[in-house]
Amino acid sequence: MLPVRCEQCGAGVLARKSSWAQTSVQWNAAATAACVERHAAAELSRAPLPYCTSMRESIRAAAESGVLPVLDPDAGGPR
């Protein structure tokens, strides 16, 4: 797993791209607190949002640029 920063809020997570379709993300307390999207969802529903669209896009951009390697790049191409 490699560090990836959200281009929207700067939250840092650890991410791994097994294929273009499969991503693993480890959030820590600091990243969860910094994430605007997850924080706003938690305030509305009292439950944390399991994902963040901005982080998802940041991870995708890191994979497309080669910063975050895709371990099996032949399993479904970039979307």
Protein backbone atom coordinates (compact mmCIF):
# COMPACT_ATOMS: atom_id res chain seq x y z
CA MET A 1 0.00 0.00 0.00
CA LEU A 2 1.22 3.47 -0.89
CA PRO A 3 0.24 6.90 0.39
CA VAL A 4 -2.20 8.94 -1.70
CA ARG A 5 -3.42 12.46 -0.89
CA CYS A 6 -6.85 13.72 -1.81
CA GLU A 7 -6.65 16.55 -4.33
CA GLN A 8 -9.76 18.12 -2.76
CA CYS A 9 -8.98 18.24 0.99
CA GLY A 10 -5.45 16.87 1.36
CA ALA A 11 -6.45 13.85 3.47
CA GLY A 12 -3.82 11.11 3.23
CA VAL A 13 -4.69 7.40 3.02
CA LEU A 14 -2.88 4.22 2.08
CA ALA A 15 -4.11 2.73 -1.19
CA ARG A 16 -3.49 -0.30 -3.36
CA LYS A 17 -4.78 -0.97 -6.88
CA SER A 18 -4.95 -4.72 -7.48
CA SER A 19 -6.61 -4.07 -10.84
CA TRP A 20 -8.43 -1.18 -12.49
CA ALA A 21 -11.65 -2.45 -10.91
CA GLN A 22 -10.32 -3.26 -7.42
CA THR A 23 -8.95 -0.75 -4.94
CA SER A 24 -8.10 -1.17 -1.26
CA VAL A 25 -8.00 1.94 0.93
CA GLN A 26 -6.92 2.28 4.55
CA TRP A 27 -8.29 5.34 6.28
CA ASN A 28 -6.80 6.53 9.56
CA ALA A 29 -8.33 8.92 12.10
CA ALA A 30 -6.51 11.97 10.71
CA ALA A 31 -7.64 11.27 7.13
CA THR A 32 -11.22 10.66 8.24
CA ALA A 33 -11.23 13.93 10.20
CA ALA A 34 -9.74 15.87 7.25
CA CYS A 35 -12.14 14.45 4.64
CA VAL A 36 -14.80 17.05 3.93
CA GLU A 37 -17.14 14.58 2.20
CA ARG A 38 -16.99 11.91 4.92
CA HIS A 39 -17.29 14.53 7.67
CA ALA A 40 -20.39 16.11 6.08
CA ALA A 41 -22.04 12.69 5.66
CA ALA A 42 -21.37 11.78 9.28
CA GLU A 43 -22.97 15.02 10.47
CA LEU A 44 -26.11 14.30 8.45
CA SER A 45 -26.56 10.62 9.23
CA ARG A 46 -24.40 10.05 12.32
CA ALA A 47 -22.70 7.24 10.40
CA PRO A 48 -19.41 7.60 8.53
CA LEU A 49 -19.54 7.46 4.76
CA PRO A 50 -17.60 4.37 3.64
CA TYR A 51 -16.09 6.17 0.65
CA CYS A 52 -15.25 9.61 -0.72
CA THR A 53 -15.70 10.46 -4.38
CA SER A 54 -12.86 13.01 -4.28
CA MET A 55 -10.46 10.44 -2.80
CA ARG A 56 -11.63 7.88 -5.35
CA GLU A 57 -10.75 10.32 -8.14
CA SER A 58 -7.37 11.12 -6.54
CA ILE A 59 -6.53 7.41 -6.35
CA ARG A 60 -7.60 6.93 -9.96
CA ALA A 61 -5.43 9.87 -11.06
CA ALA A 62 -2.46 8.43 -9.13
CA ALA A 63 -2.95 5.09 -10.88
CA GLU A 64 -3.33 6.64 -14.32
CA SER A 65 -0.16 8.70 -13.85
CA GLY A 66 1.81 5.67 -12.63
CA VAL A 67 2.37 7.01 -9.10
CA LEU A 68 0.19 4.19 -7.74
CA PRO A 69 0.97 0.98 -9.63
CA VAL A 70 -1.87 -1.23 -10.84
CA LEU A 71 -0.75 -4.75 -9.96
CA ASP A 72 -2.81 -6.42 -12.72
CA PRO A 73 -3.23 -3.72 -15.37
CA ASP A 74 -4.75 -6.16 -17.88
CA ALA A 75 -7.79 -6.81 -15.66
CA GLY A 76 -10.17 -4.19 -17.07
CA GLY A 77 -8.75 -0.95 -18.43
CA PRO A 78 -9.01 2.60 -17.11
CA ARG A 79 -12.57 3.82 -17.00
